[in-house]
Amino acid sequence: MRTTLDVDEDVLHAVKELARLRRKTAGHVISELARRGIHASSERSKKSVVVGGFEVLPAEGRIVTPQLVDRLLEEGSEA
């Protein structure tokens, strides 16, 4: 299907490079990447857990300490 999209220059450059390396068209590469993103997003939403009315976010592998909370609050107030 033919359509017109407004794509950021860095994204277009990366897609064209991937297309060249894979010997495929830029449109094919964009379609593959979009499918992966859509599939990953739908898989994450299927796995979401709600506790007490709030969605539980995935762990980032670090312990949240009072010091970390203070640092993040300070960084947020500086912005």
PDB file of N, CA and C in Angstrom:
ATOM      1  N   MET A   1       0.851  -1.163   0.000  1.00  0.00           N
ATOM      2  CA  MET A   1       0.000   0.000   0.000  1.00  0.00           C
ATOM      3  C   MET A   1       0.903   1.235   0.000  1.00  0.00           C
ATOM      4  N   ARG A   2       0.526   2.211  -0.720  1.00  0.00           N
ATOM      5  CA  ARG A   2       1.320   3.430  -0.845  1.00  0.00           C
ATOM      6  C   ARG A   2       0.674   4.524   0.005  1.00  0.00           C
ATOM      7  N   THR A   3       1.512   5.202   0.814  1.00  0.00           N
ATOM      8  CA  THR A   3       1.034   6.303   1.647  1.00  0.00           C
ATOM      9  C   THR A   3       2.194   7.252   1.911  1.00  0.00           C
ATOM     10  N   THR A   4       1.901   8.400   2.475  1.00  0.00           N
ATOM     11  CA  THR A   4       2.928   9.379   2.805  1.00  0.00           C
ATOM     12  C   THR A   4       3.014   9.516   4.315  1.00  0.00           C
ATOM     13  N   LEU A   5       4.237   9.431   4.847  1.00  0.00           N
ATOM     14  CA  LEU A   5       4.461   9.575   6.281  1.00  0.00           C
ATOM     15  C   LEU A   5       5.490  10.665   6.526  1.00  0.00           C
ATOM     16  N   ASP A   6       5.357  11.370   7.639  1.00  0.00           N
ATOM     17  CA  ASP A   6       6.352  12.348   8.064  1.00  0.00           C
ATOM     18  C   ASP A   6       7.246  11.643   9.081  1.00  0.00           C
ATOM     19  N   VAL A   7       8.472  11.311   8.673  1.00  0.00           N
ATOM     20  CA  VAL A   7       9.389  10.533   9.504  1.00  0.00           C
ATOM     21  C   VAL A   7      10.588  11.405   9.855  1.00  0.00           C
ATOM     22  N   ASP A   8      11.017  11.353  11.111  1.00  0.00           N
ATOM     23  CA  ASP A   8      12.202  12.104  11.522  1.00  0.00           C
ATOM     24  C   ASP A   8      13.412  11.664  10.706  1.00  0.00           C
ATOM     25  N   GLU A   9      14.301  12.615  10.454  1.00  0.00           N
ATOM     26  CA  GLU A   9      15.445  12.363   9.577  1.00  0.00           C
ATOM     27  C   GLU A   9      16.342  11.239  10.097  1.00  0.00           C
ATOM     28  N   ASP A  10      16.586  11.210  11.414  1.00  0.00           N
ATOM     29  CA  ASP A  10      17.452  10.166  11.967  1.00  0.00           C
ATOM     30  C   ASP A  10      16.826   8.785  11.818  1.00  0.00           C
ATOM     31  N   VAL A  11      15.508   8.705  11.949  1.00  0.00           N
ATOM     32  CA  VAL A  11      14.810   7.429  11.793  1.00  0.00           C
ATOM     33  C   VAL A  11      14.885   6.970  10.342  1.00  0.00           C
ATOM     34  N   LEU A  12      14.654   7.881   9.422  1.00  0.00           N
ATOM     35  CA  LEU A  12      14.720   7.534   8.006  1.00  0.00           C
ATOM     36  C   LEU A  12      16.116   7.050   7.629  1.00  0.00           C
ATOM     37  N   HIS A  13      17.134   7.721   8.139  1.00  0.00           N
ATOM     38  CA  HIS A  13      18.513   7.310   7.856  1.00  0.00           C
ATOM     39  C   HIS A  13      18.764   5.890   8.377  1.00  0.00           C
ATOM     40  N   ALA A  14      18.323   5.616   9.611  1.00  0.00           N
ATOM     41  CA  ALA A  14      18.516   4.287  10.198  1.00  0.00           C
ATOM     42  C   ALA A  14      17.764   3.221   9.407  1.00  0.00           C
ATOM     43  N   VAL A  15      16.542   3.530   8.996  1.00  0.00           N
ATOM     44  CA  VAL A  15      15.742   2.574   8.218  1.00  0.00           C
ATOM     45  C   VAL A  15      16.409   2.283   6.879  1.00  0.00           C
ATOM     46  N   LYS A  16      16.885   3.327   6.222  1.00  0.00           N
ATOM     47  CA  LYS A  16      17.547   3.121   4.928  1.00  0.00           C
ATOM     48  C   LYS A  16      18.811   2.279   5.082  1.00  0.00           C
ATOM     49  N   GLU A  17      19.542   2.492   6.165  1.00  0.00           N
ATOM     50  CA  GLU A  17      20.752   1.697   6.410  1.00  0.00           C
ATOM     51  C   GLU A  17      20.389   0.232   6.675  1.00  0.00           C
ATOM     52  N   LEU A  18      19.358  -0.001   7.487  1.00  0.00           N
ATOM     53  CA  LEU A  18      18.900  -1.375   7.730  1.00  0.00           C
ATOM     54  C   LEU A  18      18.433  -2.027   6.436  1.00  0.00           C
ATOM     55  N   ALA A  19      17.719  -1.276   5.638  1.00  0.00           N
ATOM     56  CA  ALA A  19      17.221  -1.805   4.363  1.00  0.00           C
ATOM     57  C   ALA A  19      18.389  -2.199   3.461  1.00  0.00           C
ATOM     58  N   ARG A  20      19.404  -1.362   3.430  1.00  0.00           N
ATOM     59  CA  ARG A  20      20.576  -1.662   2.606  1.00  0.00           C
ATOM     60  C   ARG A  20      21.264  -2.938   3.098  1.00  0.00           C
ATOM     61  N   LEU A  21      21.452  -3.042   4.416  1.00  0.00           N
ATOM     62  CA  LEU A  21      22.129  -4.210   4.985  1.00  0.00           C
ATOM     63  C   LEU A  21      21.330  -5.496   4.787  1.00  0.00           C
ATOM     64  N   ARG A  22      20.010  -5.394   4.879  1.00  0.00           N
ATOM     65  CA  ARG A  22      19.145  -6.576   4.747  1.00  0.00           C
ATOM     66  C   ARG A  22      18.716  -6.840   3.307  1.00  0.00           C
ATOM     67  N   ARG A  23      19.085  -5.928   2.416  1.00  0.00           N
ATOM     68  CA  ARG A  23      18.697  -6.021   1.002  1.00  0.00           C
ATOM     69  C   ARG A  23      17.176  -6.102   0.852  1.00  0.00           C
ATOM     70  N   LYS A  24      16.514  -5.171   1.548  1.00  0.00           N
ATOM     71  CA  LYS A  24      15.055  -5.066   1.496  1.00  0.00           C
ATOM     72  C   LYS A  24      14.704  -3.605   1.259  1.00  0.00           C
ATOM     73  N   THR A  25      13.449  -3.341   0.976  1.00  0.00           N
ATOM     74  CA  THR A  25      13.025  -1.955   0.794  1.00  0.00           C
ATOM     75  C   THR A  25      12.848  -1.287   2.160  1.00  0.00           C
ATOM     76  N   ALA A  26      12.928   0.034   2.165  1.00  0.00           N
ATOM     77  CA  ALA A  26      12.713   0.784   3.398  1.00  0.00           C
ATOM     78  C   ALA A  26      11.297   0.532   3.926  1.00  0.00           C
ATOM     79  N   GLY A  27      10.333   0.449   3.038  1.00  0.00           N
ATOM     80  CA  GLY A  27       8.955   0.177   3.451  1.00  0.00           C
ATOM     81  C   GLY A  27       8.817  -1.159   4.155  1.00  0.00           C
ATOM     82  N   HIS A  28       9.526  -2.175   3.632  1.00  0.00           N
ATOM     83  CA  HIS A  28       9.478  -3.499   4.251  1.00  0.00           C
ATOM     84  C   HIS A  28      10.096  -3.448   5.651  1.00  0.00           C
ATOM     85  N   VAL A  29      11.221  -2.750   5.790  1.00  0.00           N
ATOM     86  CA  VAL A  29      11.886  -2.641   7.092  1.00  0.00           C
ATOM     87  C   VAL A  29      10.985  -1.911   8.086  1.00  0.00           C
ATOM     88  N   ILE A  30      10.367  -0.814   7.654  1.00  0.00           N
ATOM     89  CA  ILE A  30       9.464  -0.072   8.543  1.00  0.00           C
ATOM     90  C   ILE A  30       8.293  -0.952   8.968  1.00  0.00           C
ATOM     91  N   SER A  31       7.742  -1.725   8.049  1.00  0.00           N
ATOM     92  CA  SER A  31       6.629  -2.622   8.386  1.00  0.00           C
ATOM     93  C   SER A  31       7.056  -3.660   9.412  1.00  0.00           C
ATOM     94  N   GLU A  32       8.237  -4.258   9.228  1.00  0.00           N
ATOM     95  CA  GLU A  32       8.738  -5.255  10.188  1.00  0.00           C
ATOM     96  C   GLU A  32       8.906  -4.642  11.575  1.00  0.00           C
ATOM     97  N   LEU A  33       9.540  -3.469  11.635  1.00  0.00           N
ATOM     98  CA  LEU A  33       9.773  -2.816  12.921  1.00  0.00           C
ATOM     99  C   LEU A  33       8.466  -2.408  13.590  1.00  0.00           C
ATOM    100  N   ALA A  34       7.521  -1.911  12.814  1.00  0.00           N
ATOM    101  CA  ALA A  34       6.222  -1.529  13.371  1.00  0.00           C
ATOM    102  C   ALA A  34       5.497  -2.748  13.931  1.00  0.00           C
ATOM    103  N   ARG A  35       5.531  -3.858  13.192  1.00  0.00           N
ATOM    104  CA  ARG A  35       4.884  -5.089  13.680  1.00  0.00           C
ATOM    105  C   ARG A  35       5.493  -5.538  15.002  1.00  0.00           C
ATOM    106  N   ARG A  36       6.827  -5.506  15.080  1.00  0.00           N
ATOM    107  CA  ARG A  36       7.497  -5.903  16.332  1.00  0.00           C
ATOM    108  C   ARG A  36       7.066  -5.007  17.491  1.00  0.00           C
ATOM    109  N   GLY A  37       7.041  -3.704  17.245  1.00  0.00           N
ATOM    110  CA  GLY A  37       6.645  -2.768  18.293  1.00  0.00           C
ATOM    111  C   GLY A  37       5.209  -2.962  18.729  1.00  0.00           C
ATOM    112  N   ILE A  38       4.325  -3.160  17.777  1.00  0.00           N
ATOM    113  CA  ILE A  38       2.911  -3.378  18.090  1.00  0.00           C
ATOM    114  C   ILE A  38       2.737  -4.677  18.862  1.00  0.00           C
ATOM    115  N   HIS A  39       3.424  -5.729  18.430  1.00  0.00           N
ATOM    116  CA  HIS A  39       3.321  -7.024  19.101  1.00  0.00           C
ATOM    117  C   HIS A  39       3.861  -6.933  20.527  1.00  0.00           C
ATOM    118  N   ALA A  40       5.020  -6.294  20.698  1.00  0.00           N
ATOM    119  CA  ALA A  40       5.614  -6.168  22.028  1.00  0.00           C
ATOM    120  C   ALA A  40       4.706  -5.367  22.950  1.00  0.00           C
ATOM    121  N   SER A  41       4.113  -4.310  22.417  1.00  0.00           N
ATOM    122  CA  SER A  41       3.220  -3.472  23.208  1.00  0.00           C
ATOM    123  C   SER A  41       1.987  -4.248  23.646  1.00  0.00           C
ATOM    124  N   SER A  42       1.414  -5.032  22.736  1.00  0.00           N
ATOM    125  CA  SER A  42       0.213  -5.794  23.090  1.00  0.00           C
ATOM    126  C   SER A  42       0.550  -6.914  24.064  1.00  0.00           C
ATOM    127  N   GLU A  43       1.750  -7.493  23.952  1.00  0.00           N
ATOM    128  CA  GLU A  43       2.165  -8.536  24.896  1.00  0.00           C
ATOM    129  C   GLU A  43       2.324  -7.947  26.293  1.00  0.00           C
ATOM    130  N   ARG A  44       2.913  -6.753  26.383  1.00  0.00           N
ATOM    131  CA  ARG A  44       3.088  -6.108  27.686  1.00  0.00           C
ATOM    132  C   ARG A  44       1.740  -5.793  28.310  1.00  0.00           C
ATOM    133  N   SER A  45       0.793  -5.312  27.496  1.00  0.00           N
ATOM    134  CA  SER A  45      -0.506  -4.946  28.054  1.00  0.00           C
ATOM    135  C   SER A  45      -1.269  -6.180  28.528  1.00  0.00           C
ATOM    136  N   LYS A  46      -1.044  -7.322  27.887  1.00  0.00           N
ATOM    137  CA  LYS A  46      -1.696  -8.558  28.322  1.00  0.00           C
ATOM    138  C   LYS A  46      -1.165  -9.003  29.676  1.00  0.00           C
ATOM    139  N   LYS A  47       0.097  -8.685  29.959  1.00  0.00           N
ATOM    140  CA  LYS A  47       0.739  -9.142  31.184  1.00  0.00           C
ATOM    141  C   LYS A  47       0.557  -8.168  32.337  1.00  0.00           C
ATOM    142  N   SER A  48      -0.103  -7.031  32.108  1.00  0.00           N
ATOM    143  CA  SER A  48      -0.220  -6.039  33.167  1.00  0.00           C
ATOM    144  C   SER A  48      -1.067  -6.585  34.310  1.00  0.00           C
ATOM    145  N   VAL A  49      -0.634  -6.242  35.510  1.00  0.00           N
ATOM    146  CA  VAL A  49      -1.306  -6.690  36.719  1.00  0.00           C
ATOM    147  C   VAL A  49      -1.816  -5.454  37.444  1.00  0.00           C
ATOM    148  N   VAL A  50      -3.044  -5.515  37.923  1.00  0.00           N
ATOM    149  CA  VAL A  50      -3.626  -4.399  38.653  1.00  0.00           C
ATOM    150  C   VAL A  50      -3.808  -4.823  40.099  1.00  0.00           C
ATOM    151  N   VAL A  51      -3.269  -4.005  41.010  1.00  0.00           N
ATOM    152  CA  VAL A  51      -3.398  -4.265  42.440  1.00  0.00           C
ATOM    153  C   VAL A  51      -3.939  -3.000  43.090  1.00  0.00           C
ATOM    154  N   GLY A  52      -5.040  -3.127  43.784  1.00  0.00           N
ATOM    155  CA  GLY A  52      -5.627  -1.974  44.458  1.00  0.00           C
ATOM    156  C   GLY A  52      -6.020  -0.857  43.509  1.00  0.00           C
ATOM    157  N   GLY A  53      -6.345  -1.227  42.270  1.00  0.00           N
ATOM    158  CA  GLY A  53      -6.753  -0.233  41.293  1.00  0.00           C
ATOM    159  C   GLY A  53      -5.605   0.423  40.540  1.00  0.00           C
ATOM    160  N   PHE A  54      -4.351   0.002  40.833  1.00  0.00           N
ATOM    161  CA  PHE A  54      -3.184   0.570  40.163  1.00  0.00           C
ATOM    162  C   PHE A  54      -2.445  -0.514  39.392  1.00  0.00           C
ATOM    163  N   GLU A  55      -1.985  -0.163  38.185  1.00  0.00           N
ATOM    164  CA  GLU A  55      -1.207  -1.109  37.391  1.00  0.00           C
ATOM    165  C   GLU A  55       0.188  -1.239  37.997  1.00  0.00           C
ATOM    166  N   VAL A  56       0.616  -2.474  38.199  1.00  0.00           N
ATOM    167  CA  VAL A  56       1.941  -2.738  38.749  1.00  0.00           C
ATOM    168  C   VAL A  56       2.954  -2.619  37.617  1.00  0.00           C
ATOM    169  N   LEU A  57       3.951  -1.768  37.807  1.00  0.00           N
ATOM    170  CA  LEU A  57       4.978  -1.558  36.797  1.00  0.00           C
ATOM    171  C   LEU A  57       6.061  -2.621  36.919  1.00  0.00           C
ATOM    172  N   PRO A  58       6.732  -2.950  35.816  1.00  0.00           N
ATOM    173  CA  PRO A  58       7.793  -3.953  35.881  1.00  0.00           C
ATOM    174  C   PRO A  58       8.971  -3.446  36.707  1.00  0.00           C
ATOM    175  N   ALA A  59       9.616  -4.351  37.416  1.00  0.00           N
ATOM    176  CA  ALA A  59      10.774  -3.992  38.234  1.00  0.00           C
ATOM    177  C   ALA A  59      11.942  -3.595  37.348  1.00  0.00           C
ATOM    178  N   GLU A  60      12.718  -2.626  37.822  1.00  0.00           N
ATOM    179  CA  GLU A  60      13.894  -2.193  37.083  1.00  0.00           C
ATOM    180  C   GLU A  60      15.161  -2.836  37.622  1.00  0.00           C
ATOM    181  N   GLY A  61      15.035  -3.712  38.590  1.00  0.00           N
ATOM    182  CA  GLY A  61      16.199  -4.419  39.101  1.00  0.00           C
ATOM    183  C   GLY A  61      16.985  -3.641  40.135  1.00  0.00           C
ATOM    184  N   ARG A  62      16.388  -2.623  40.738  1.00  0.00           N
ATOM    185  CA  ARG A  62      17.089  -1.901  41.792  1.00  0.00           C
ATOM    186  C   ARG A  62      16.126  -1.639  42.940  1.00  0.00           C
ATOM    187  N   ILE A  63      16.698  -1.491  44.116  1.00  0.00           N
ATOM    188  CA  ILE A  63      15.900  -1.258  45.313  1.00  0.00           C
ATOM    189  C   ILE A  63      15.655   0.237  45.458  1.00  0.00           C
ATOM    190  N   VAL A  64      14.422   0.599  45.736  1.00  0.00           N
ATOM    191  CA  VAL A  64      14.076   1.999  45.938  1.00  0.00           C
ATOM    192  C   VAL A  64      14.286   2.325  47.411  1.00  0.00           C
ATOM    193  N   THR A  65      15.252   3.185  47.669  1.00  0.00           N
ATOM    194  CA  THR A  65      15.579   3.595  49.036  1.00  0.00           C
ATOM    195  C   THR A  65      15.080   5.014  49.269  1.00  0.00           C
ATOM    196  N   PRO A  66      14.970   5.416  50.532  1.00  0.00           N
ATOM    197  CA  PRO A  66      14.592   6.808  50.804  1.00  0.00           C
ATOM    198  C   PRO A  66      15.577   7.804  50.164  1.00  0.00           C
ATOM    199  N   GLN A  67      16.852   7.441  50.126  1.00  0.00           N
ATOM    200  CA  GLN A  67      17.860   8.313  49.521  1.00  0.00           C
ATOM    201  C   GLN A  67      17.603   8.480  48.022  1.00  0.00           C
ATOM    202  N   LEU A  68      17.234   7.398  47.350  1.00  0.00           N
ATOM    203  CA  LEU A  68      16.933   7.467  45.922  1.00  0.00           C
ATOM    204  C   LEU A  68      15.714   8.358  45.683  1.00  0.00           C
ATOM    205  N   VAL A  69      14.699   8.207  46.508  1.00  0.00           N
ATOM    206  CA  VAL A  69      13.495   9.033  46.377  1.00  0.00           C
ATOM    207  C   VAL A  69      13.850  10.506  46.563  1.00  0.00           C
ATOM    208  N   ASP A  70      14.659  10.815  47.593  1.00  0.00           N
ATOM    209  CA  ASP A  70      15.074  12.204  47.830  1.00  0.00           C
ATOM    210  C   ASP A  70      15.831  12.765  46.633  1.00  0.00           C
ATOM    211  N   ARG A  71      16.758  11.978  46.085  1.00  0.00           N
ATOM    212  CA  ARG A  71      17.555  12.429  44.946  1.00  0.00           C
ATOM    213  C   ARG A  71      16.656  12.706  43.739  1.00  0.00           C
ATOM    214  N   LEU A  72      15.716  11.801  43.465  1.00  0.00           N
ATOM    215  CA  LEU A  72      14.813  11.986  42.334  1.00  0.00           C
ATOM    216  C   LEU A  72      13.906  13.201  42.530  1.00  0.00           C
ATOM    217  N   LEU A  73      13.463  13.418  43.758  1.00  0.00           N
ATOM    218  CA  LEU A  73      12.638  14.597  44.038  1.00  0.00           C
ATOM    219  C   LEU A  73      13.437  15.881  43.835  1.00  0.00           C
ATOM    220  N   GLU A  74      14.712  15.869  44.255  1.00  0.00           N
ATOM    221  CA  GLU A  74      15.574  17.041  44.059  1.00  0.00           C
ATOM    222  C   GLU A  74      15.789  17.310  42.571  1.00  0.00           C
ATOM    223  N   GLU A  75      16.045  16.248  41.804  1.00  0.00           N
ATOM    224  CA  GLU A  75      16.254  16.402  40.363  1.00  0.00           C
ATOM    225  C   GLU A  75      14.998  16.953  39.694  1.00  0.00           C
ATOM    226  N   GLY A  76      13.843  16.504  40.138  1.00  0.00           N
ATOM    227  CA  GLY A  76      12.586  16.959  39.555  1.00  0.00           C
ATOM    228  C   GLY A  76      12.299  18.419  39.854  1.00  0.00           C
ATOM    229  N   SER A  77      12.710  18.883  41.028  1.00  0.00           N
ATOM    230  CA  SER A  77      12.450  20.277  41.391  1.00  0.00           C
ATOM    231  C   SER A  77      13.403  21.233  40.690  1.00  0.00           C
ATOM    232  N   GLU A  78      14.534  20.720  40.191  1.00  0.00           N
ATOM    233  CA  GLU A  78      15.504  21.555  39.478  1.00  0.00           C
ATOM    234  C   GLU A  78      15.090  21.791  38.035  1.00  0.00           C
ATOM    235  N   ALA A  79      14.228  20.939  37.514  1.00  0.00           N
ATOM    236  CA  ALA A  79      13.854  21.032  36.091  1.00  0.00           C
ATOM    237  C   ALA A  79      12.921  22.159  35.800  1.00  0.00           C
TER     238      ALA A  79
END
